[in-house]
Amino acid sequence: FMPVRGVLGSDLVALHERAGTWKVVSDPFTGEDVVLVRAIVPDVAVIHCHRADPSGNAEILGPVYEDEFKARAAKVTIITAEEIVDEDYFRGKRPSIHSEHVTAVVHAPGGAKPTGMYGLYPADFEACWELVSG
């Protein structure tokens, strides 16, 4: 769960309490109310990266955003990679996503398209628009 204060006093609290996804409790340190948000446990996370080894260690260059959290939270994590590297590549390096959180690795050059891949290719906004506009 994640403790959150910013939603207290909003209609969202009652809605989520009825759904069983949030709970208001007393903070044991301050006595103030805090909302506990139930952890999200996705069935599958698919994460595209710059490089991965066959074991699932993955390197994301540039902003990582929430990718490591997705890999840790999901029941199954599939890494797609622009490049597959030898396992020696990660010796002495901290991977962006560690193999212990990865179920499968797929070699997928250009796999982020039509969105962009940091340092490799830009987003194709026209193609993105075509996808969402039907």
N, C-alpha and C. Protein backbone atom coordinates (compact mmCIF):
# COMPACT_ATOMS: atom_id res chain seq x y z
N PHE A 1 0.84 -1.19 0.00
CA PHE A 1 0.00 0.00 0.00
C PHE A 1 0.87 1.24 0.00
N MET A 2 0.25 2.36 -0.31
CA MET A 2 0.96 3.64 -0.33
C MET A 2 0.16 4.64 0.50
N PRO A 3 0.78 5.24 1.51
CA PRO A 3 0.06 6.27 2.27
C PRO A 3 0.00 7.58 1.48
N VAL A 4 -1.17 8.21 1.47
CA VAL A 4 -1.40 9.45 0.70
C VAL A 4 -2.22 10.40 1.55
N ARG A 5 -1.83 11.67 1.59
CA ARG A 5 -2.60 12.66 2.34
C ARG A 5 -3.39 13.61 1.43
N GLY A 6 -2.90 13.85 0.24
CA GLY A 6 -3.45 14.89 -0.63
C GLY A 6 -4.89 14.70 -1.05
N VAL A 7 -5.45 13.51 -0.90
CA VAL A 7 -6.83 13.27 -1.35
C VAL A 7 -7.84 13.40 -0.21
N LEU A 8 -7.37 13.56 1.02
CA LEU A 8 -8.29 13.70 2.15
C LEU A 8 -9.23 14.88 1.92
N GLY A 9 -10.51 14.67 2.19
CA GLY A 9 -11.50 15.73 2.00
C GLY A 9 -12.15 15.71 0.63
N SER A 10 -11.67 14.85 -0.26
CA SER A 10 -12.27 14.78 -1.60
C SER A 10 -13.32 13.67 -1.65
N ASP A 11 -14.18 13.73 -2.67
CA ASP A 11 -15.19 12.69 -2.87
C ASP A 11 -14.57 11.36 -3.26
N LEU A 12 -13.34 11.39 -3.73
CA LEU A 12 -12.67 10.16 -4.15
C LEU A 12 -12.49 9.19 -2.99
N VAL A 13 -12.30 9.72 -1.78
CA VAL A 13 -12.06 8.85 -0.64
C VAL A 13 -13.25 7.93 -0.40
N ALA A 14 -14.45 8.48 -0.32
CA ALA A 14 -15.64 7.66 -0.08
C ALA A 14 -15.85 6.65 -1.21
N LEU A 15 -15.64 7.09 -2.44
CA LEU A 15 -15.81 6.21 -3.60
C LEU A 15 -14.88 5.00 -3.50
N HIS A 16 -13.61 5.27 -3.21
CA HIS A 16 -12.63 4.18 -3.15
C HIS A 16 -12.77 3.33 -1.89
N GLU A 17 -13.23 3.93 -0.80
CA GLU A 17 -13.47 3.12 0.40
C GLU A 17 -14.58 2.10 0.13
N ARG A 18 -15.64 2.53 -0.56
CA ARG A 18 -16.72 1.60 -0.91
C ARG A 18 -16.21 0.49 -1.83
N ALA A 19 -15.30 0.84 -2.72
CA ALA A 19 -14.74 -0.15 -3.66
C ALA A 19 -13.70 -1.05 -2.98
N GLY A 20 -13.24 -0.65 -1.80
CA GLY A 20 -12.25 -1.44 -1.09
C GLY A 20 -10.82 -1.23 -1.55
N THR A 21 -10.57 -0.14 -2.27
CA THR A 21 -9.22 0.11 -2.77
C THR A 21 -8.45 1.13 -1.93
N TRP A 22 -9.16 1.92 -1.12
CA TRP A 22 -8.53 2.88 -0.21
C TRP A 22 -9.10 2.67 1.17
N LYS A 23 -8.32 3.05 2.19
CA LYS A 23 -8.78 2.98 3.57
C LYS A 23 -8.19 4.15 4.33
N VAL A 24 -9.04 4.85 5.10
CA VAL A 24 -8.56 5.95 5.94
C VAL A 24 -8.23 5.37 7.31
N VAL A 25 -6.99 5.63 7.76
CA VAL A 25 -6.54 5.15 9.07
C VAL A 25 -5.88 6.30 9.81
N SER A 26 -5.65 6.08 11.08
CA SER A 26 -4.94 7.06 11.90
C SER A 26 -3.44 6.77 11.81
N ASP A 27 -2.67 7.78 11.45
CA ASP A 27 -1.21 7.65 11.38
C ASP A 27 -0.71 7.33 12.79
N PRO A 28 0.01 6.21 12.98
CA PRO A 28 0.45 5.84 14.32
C PRO A 28 1.48 6.80 14.92
N PHE A 29 2.09 7.64 14.11
CA PHE A 29 3.09 8.57 14.61
C PHE A 29 2.51 9.93 14.97
N THR A 30 1.55 10.41 14.17
CA THR A 30 1.00 11.75 14.38
C THR A 30 -0.44 11.75 14.85
N GLY A 31 -1.15 10.64 14.65
CA GLY A 31 -2.57 10.59 15.00
C GLY A 31 -3.47 11.20 13.94
N GLU A 32 -2.89 11.80 12.90
CA GLU A 32 -3.69 12.42 11.83
C GLU A 32 -4.19 11.34 10.87
N ASP A 33 -5.30 11.65 10.19
CA ASP A 33 -5.82 10.73 9.18
C ASP A 33 -4.87 10.65 7.98
N VAL A 34 -4.77 9.46 7.43
CA VAL A 34 -4.00 9.23 6.22
C VAL A 34 -4.75 8.18 5.40
N VAL A 35 -4.69 8.33 4.08
CA VAL A 35 -5.35 7.37 3.20
C VAL A 35 -4.32 6.33 2.76
N LEU A 36 -4.69 5.06 2.90
CA LEU A 36 -3.84 3.98 2.40
C LEU A 36 -4.42 3.51 1.08
N VAL A 37 -3.62 3.57 0.03
CA VAL A 37 -4.04 3.15 -1.30
C VAL A 37 -3.49 1.74 -1.54
N ARG A 38 -4.40 0.82 -1.86
CA ARG A 38 -4.00 -0.57 -2.09
C ARG A 38 -3.01 -0.65 -3.25
N ALA A 39 -2.03 -1.51 -3.11
CA ALA A 39 -1.03 -1.71 -4.17
C ALA A 39 -1.68 -2.25 -5.44
N ILE A 40 -1.21 -1.78 -6.56
CA ILE A 40 -1.65 -2.30 -7.85
C ILE A 40 -0.75 -3.49 -8.20
N VAL A 41 -1.36 -4.60 -8.59
CA VAL A 41 -0.61 -5.79 -8.97
C VAL A 41 -1.05 -6.21 -10.38
N PRO A 42 -0.41 -5.63 -11.40
CA PRO A 42 -0.78 -5.99 -12.77
C PRO A 42 -0.45 -7.45 -13.08
N ASP A 43 -1.23 -8.05 -13.95
CA ASP A 43 -0.93 -9.41 -14.39
C ASP A 43 0.36 -9.42 -15.21
N VAL A 44 0.50 -8.44 -16.11
CA VAL A 44 1.66 -8.41 -17.01
C VAL A 44 2.15 -6.98 -17.18
N ALA A 45 3.46 -6.80 -17.20
CA ALA A 45 4.08 -5.53 -17.58
C ALA A 45 4.97 -5.81 -18.78
N VAL A 46 4.86 -4.98 -19.81
CA VAL A 46 5.74 -5.07 -20.97
C VAL A 46 6.55 -3.77 -21.00
N ILE A 47 7.85 -3.89 -20.91
CA ILE A 47 8.72 -2.73 -20.80
C ILE A 47 9.77 -2.79 -21.90
N HIS A 48 9.87 -1.72 -22.69
CA HIS A 48 10.86 -1.67 -23.76
C HIS A 48 12.11 -0.95 -23.25
N CYS A 49 13.27 -1.50 -23.57
CA CYS A 49 14.52 -0.91 -23.09
C CYS A 49 15.56 -0.85 -24.21
N HIS A 50 16.66 -0.19 -23.91
CA HIS A 50 17.74 -0.08 -24.89
C HIS A 50 18.50 -1.39 -25.04
N ARG A 51 18.85 -1.99 -23.90
CA ARG A 51 19.65 -3.22 -23.93
C ARG A 51 19.16 -4.16 -22.83
N ALA A 52 19.26 -5.44 -23.12
CA ALA A 52 18.97 -6.46 -22.11
C ALA A 52 19.85 -7.66 -22.38
N ASP A 53 20.16 -8.38 -21.31
CA ASP A 53 20.87 -9.64 -21.51
C ASP A 53 19.84 -10.78 -21.48
N PRO A 54 20.23 -11.98 -21.87
CA PRO A 54 19.28 -13.09 -21.92
C PRO A 54 18.64 -13.43 -20.57
N SER A 55 19.30 -13.06 -19.46
CA SER A 55 18.75 -13.33 -18.13
C SER A 55 17.66 -12.35 -17.72
N GLY A 56 17.60 -11.19 -18.39
CA GLY A 56 16.58 -10.20 -18.07
C GLY A 56 17.08 -8.93 -17.44
N ASN A 57 18.38 -8.80 -17.21
CA ASN A 57 18.89 -7.50 -16.76
C ASN A 57 18.69 -6.52 -17.89
N ALA A 58 18.15 -5.35 -17.58
CA ALA A 58 17.80 -4.39 -18.63
C ALA A 58 18.37 -3.02 -18.33
N GLU A 59 18.78 -2.34 -19.41
CA GLU A 59 19.31 -0.98 -19.31
C GLU A 59 18.39 -0.04 -20.07
N ILE A 60 17.93 1.00 -19.36
CA ILE A 60 17.13 2.06 -19.97
C ILE A 60 17.96 3.33 -19.89
N LEU A 61 18.30 3.90 -21.03
CA LEU A 61 19.07 5.15 -21.05
C LEU A 61 18.10 6.31 -20.97
N GLY A 62 18.49 7.36 -20.27
CA GLY A 62 17.58 8.49 -20.13
C GLY A 62 16.56 8.24 -19.03
N PRO A 63 15.43 8.92 -19.10
CA PRO A 63 14.42 8.82 -18.03
C PRO A 63 13.86 7.40 -17.90
N VAL A 64 13.83 6.89 -16.68
CA VAL A 64 13.31 5.55 -16.42
C VAL A 64 11.82 5.61 -16.06
N TYR A 65 11.38 6.74 -15.53
CA TYR A 65 9.99 6.92 -15.11
C TYR A 65 9.59 5.81 -14.15
N GLU A 66 8.47 5.14 -14.41
CA GLU A 66 7.95 4.14 -13.46
C GLU A 66 8.29 2.71 -13.87
N ASP A 67 9.17 2.52 -14.83
CA ASP A 67 9.42 1.19 -15.36
C ASP A 67 9.91 0.19 -14.31
N GLU A 68 10.81 0.60 -13.43
CA GLU A 68 11.29 -0.32 -12.40
C GLU A 68 10.15 -0.72 -11.46
N PHE A 69 9.28 0.24 -11.12
CA PHE A 69 8.15 -0.08 -10.25
C PHE A 69 7.19 -1.05 -10.92
N LYS A 70 6.95 -0.86 -12.23
CA LYS A 70 6.07 -1.78 -12.97
C LYS A 70 6.65 -3.19 -12.94
N ALA A 71 7.95 -3.30 -13.17
CA ALA A 71 8.58 -4.62 -13.17
C ALA A 71 8.46 -5.30 -11.81
N ARG A 72 8.61 -4.54 -10.75
CA ARG A 72 8.52 -5.11 -9.41
C ARG A 72 7.09 -5.48 -9.03
N ALA A 73 6.12 -4.73 -9.53
CA ALA A 73 4.72 -4.93 -9.14
C ALA A 73 4.03 -6.05 -9.91
N ALA A 74 4.41 -6.25 -11.15
CA ALA A 74 3.68 -7.19 -12.02
C ALA A 74 3.96 -8.65 -11.66
N LYS A 75 2.96 -9.48 -11.92
CA LYS A 75 3.13 -10.93 -11.75
C LYS A 75 4.09 -11.48 -12.81
N VAL A 76 4.01 -10.93 -14.01
CA VAL A 76 4.86 -11.34 -15.13
C VAL A 76 5.41 -10.08 -15.78
N THR A 77 6.72 -10.03 -16.02
CA THR A 77 7.33 -8.89 -16.69
C THR A 77 8.05 -9.36 -17.94
N ILE A 78 7.67 -8.76 -19.06
CA ILE A 78 8.31 -9.06 -20.34
C ILE A 78 9.14 -7.85 -20.75
N ILE A 79 10.42 -8.07 -20.95
CA ILE A 79 11.31 -7.01 -21.41
C ILE A 79 11.47 -7.15 -22.92
N THR A 80 11.21 -6.08 -23.65
CA THR A 80 11.55 -6.03 -25.07
C THR A 80 12.74 -5.10 -25.20
N ALA A 81 13.69 -5.46 -26.05
CA ALA A 81 14.94 -4.70 -26.10
C ALA A 81 15.36 -4.39 -27.52
N GLU A 82 15.89 -3.19 -27.67
CA GLU A 82 16.49 -2.79 -28.95
C GLU A 82 17.67 -3.69 -29.28
N GLU A 83 18.41 -4.10 -28.24
CA GLU A 83 19.63 -4.88 -28.45
C GLU A 83 19.77 -5.91 -27.33
N ILE A 84 20.14 -7.12 -27.68
CA ILE A 84 20.46 -8.14 -26.68
C ILE A 84 21.98 -8.18 -26.54
N VAL A 85 22.44 -8.07 -25.31
CA VAL A 85 23.88 -8.04 -25.04
C VAL A 85 24.27 -9.27 -24.23
N ASP A 86 25.56 -9.56 -24.23
CA ASP A 86 26.09 -10.65 -23.44
C ASP A 86 25.93 -10.33 -21.95
N GLU A 87 25.81 -11.35 -21.13
CA GLU A 87 25.62 -11.13 -19.68
C GLU A 87 26.79 -10.40 -19.05
N ASP A 88 27.97 -10.48 -19.65
CA ASP A 88 29.13 -9.74 -19.14
C ASP A 88 28.93 -8.23 -19.19
N TYR A 89 28.06 -7.76 -20.06
CA TYR A 89 27.81 -6.33 -20.21
C TYR A 89 27.43 -5.68 -18.87
N PHE A 90 26.70 -6.40 -18.04
CA PHE A 90 26.21 -5.82 -16.79
C PHE A 90 27.15 -6.04 -15.60
N ARG A 91 28.29 -6.70 -15.80
CA ARG A 91 29.23 -6.86 -14.69
C ARG A 91 29.70 -5.48 -14.23
N GLY A 92 29.55 -5.22 -12.94
CA GLY A 92 29.95 -3.94 -12.38
C GLY A 92 28.98 -2.81 -12.64
N LYS A 93 27.86 -3.09 -13.29
CA LYS A 93 26.84 -2.07 -13.56
C LYS A 93 25.56 -2.43 -12.83
N ARG A 94 24.82 -1.41 -12.47
CA ARG A 94 23.49 -1.64 -11.91
C ARG A 94 22.48 -1.54 -13.04
N PRO A 95 21.79 -2.62 -13.36
CA PRO A 95 20.79 -2.52 -14.42
C PRO A 95 19.62 -1.65 -14.00
N SER A 96 18.95 -1.05 -14.95
CA SER A 96 17.74 -0.26 -14.65
C SER A 96 16.66 -1.16 -14.09
N ILE A 97 16.56 -2.36 -14.62
CA ILE A 97 15.64 -3.38 -14.12
C ILE A 97 16.45 -4.66 -13.94
N HIS A 98 16.35 -5.24 -12.75
CA HIS A 98 17.13 -6.44 -12.44
C HIS A 98 16.40 -7.69 -12.91
N SER A 99 17.17 -8.68 -13.30
CA SER A 99 16.62 -9.92 -13.85
C SER A 99 15.66 -10.65 -12.90
N GLU A 100 15.79 -10.45 -11.60
CA GLU A 100 14.90 -11.15 -10.66
C GLU A 100 13.44 -10.75 -10.84
N HIS A 101 13.19 -9.62 -11.50
CA HIS A 101 11.82 -9.15 -11.73
C HIS A 101 11.33 -9.45 -13.14
N VAL A 102 12.12 -10.16 -13.93
CA VAL A 102 11.81 -10.35 -15.35
C VAL A 102 11.49 -11.82 -15.64
N THR A 103 10.42 -12.02 -16.40
CA THR A 103 9.97 -13.36 -16.78
C THR A 103 10.49 -13.76 -18.15
N ALA A 104 10.53 -12.81 -19.08
CA ALA A 104 10.94 -13.13 -20.46
C ALA A 104 11.62 -11.92 -21.09
N VAL A 105 12.50 -12.20 -22.06
CA VAL A 105 13.20 -11.16 -22.81
C VAL A 105 12.95 -11.41 -24.30
N VAL A 106 12.60 -10.33 -25.02
CA VAL A 106 12.33 -10.43 -26.45
C VAL A 106 13.19 -9.40 -27.18
N HIS A 107 13.91 -9.83 -28.21
CA HIS A 107 14.68 -8.90 -29.04
C HIS A 107 13.69 -8.22 -29.98
N ALA A 108 13.54 -6.90 -29.85
CA ALA A 108 12.55 -6.16 -30.63
C ALA A 108 13.11 -4.82 -31.07
N PRO A 109 14.03 -4.80 -32.05
CA PRO A 109 14.53 -3.52 -32.56
C PRO A 109 13.37 -2.67 -33.08
N GLY A 110 13.35 -1.41 -32.69
CA GLY A 110 12.25 -0.53 -33.10
C GLY A 110 10.97 -0.79 -32.33
N GLY A 111 11.06 -1.53 -31.25
CA GLY A 111 9.89 -1.95 -30.49
C GLY A 111 9.11 -0.85 -29.81
N ALA A 112 9.67 0.33 -29.67
CA ALA A 112 8.93 1.44 -29.05
C ALA A 112 8.08 2.20 -30.06
N LYS A 113 8.29 1.95 -31.36
CA LYS A 113 7.57 2.69 -32.39
C LYS A 113 6.08 2.38 -32.33
N PRO A 114 5.21 3.34 -32.56
CA PRO A 114 5.47 4.65 -33.15
C PRO A 114 5.91 5.71 -32.13
N THR A 115 5.96 5.35 -30.82
CA THR A 115 6.51 6.31 -29.88
C THR A 115 8.03 6.30 -30.03
N GLY A 116 8.71 7.19 -29.35
CA GLY A 116 10.14 7.30 -29.52
C GLY A 116 10.93 6.48 -28.52
N MET A 117 12.21 6.35 -28.79
CA MET A 117 13.14 5.67 -27.89
C MET A 117 14.29 6.63 -27.64
N TYR A 118 14.46 7.04 -26.40
CA TYR A 118 15.45 8.03 -26.01
C TYR A 118 16.81 7.75 -26.64
N GLY A 119 17.32 8.74 -27.37
CA GLY A 119 18.64 8.65 -27.97
C GLY A 119 18.72 7.83 -29.26
N LEU A 120 17.63 7.16 -29.65
CA LEU A 120 17.68 6.32 -30.85
C LEU A 120 16.77 6.81 -31.97
N TYR A 121 15.52 7.08 -31.65
CA TYR A 121 14.58 7.55 -32.68
C TYR A 121 13.45 8.33 -32.03
N PRO A 122 12.97 9.35 -32.75
CA PRO A 122 11.90 10.19 -32.20
C PRO A 122 10.53 9.54 -32.37
N ALA A 123 9.57 10.08 -31.66
CA ALA A 123 8.19 9.63 -31.82
C ALA A 123 7.67 10.03 -33.19
N ASP A 124 6.85 9.19 -33.77
CA ASP A 124 6.18 9.49 -35.04
C ASP A 124 4.76 9.91 -34.68
N PHE A 125 4.58 11.21 -34.45
CA PHE A 125 3.30 11.71 -33.97
C PHE A 125 2.16 11.48 -34.96
N GLU A 126 2.47 11.53 -36.24
CA GLU A 126 1.44 11.28 -37.24
C GLU A 126 0.93 9.83 -37.13
N ALA A 127 1.83 8.89 -36.98
CA ALA A 127 1.44 7.49 -36.83
C ALA A 127 0.67 7.27 -35.52
N CYS A 128 1.09 7.95 -34.45
CA CYS A 128 0.36 7.85 -33.18
C CYS A 128 -1.06 8.35 -33.34
N TRP A 129 -1.21 9.49 -34.01
CA TRP A 129 -2.53 10.06 -34.23
C TRP A 129 -3.42 9.11 -35.04
N GLU A 130 -2.84 8.49 -36.05
CA GLU A 130 -3.60 7.53 -36.86
C GLU A 130 -4.09 6.35 -36.02
N LEU A 131 -3.27 5.90 -35.09
CA LEU A 131 -3.65 4.78 -34.23
C LEU A 131 -4.84 5.13 -33.34
N VAL A 132 -4.82 6.32 -32.76
CA VAL A 132 -5.88 6.68 -31.82
C VAL A 132 -7.12 7.22 -32.49
N SER A 133 -7.01 7.68 -33.72
CA SER A 133 -8.18 8.28 -34.38
C SER A 133 -8.97 7.25 -35.18
N GLY A 134 -8.45 6.06 -35.31
CA GLY A 134 -9.18 4.98 -35.97
C GLY A 134 -9.24 5.13 -37.43
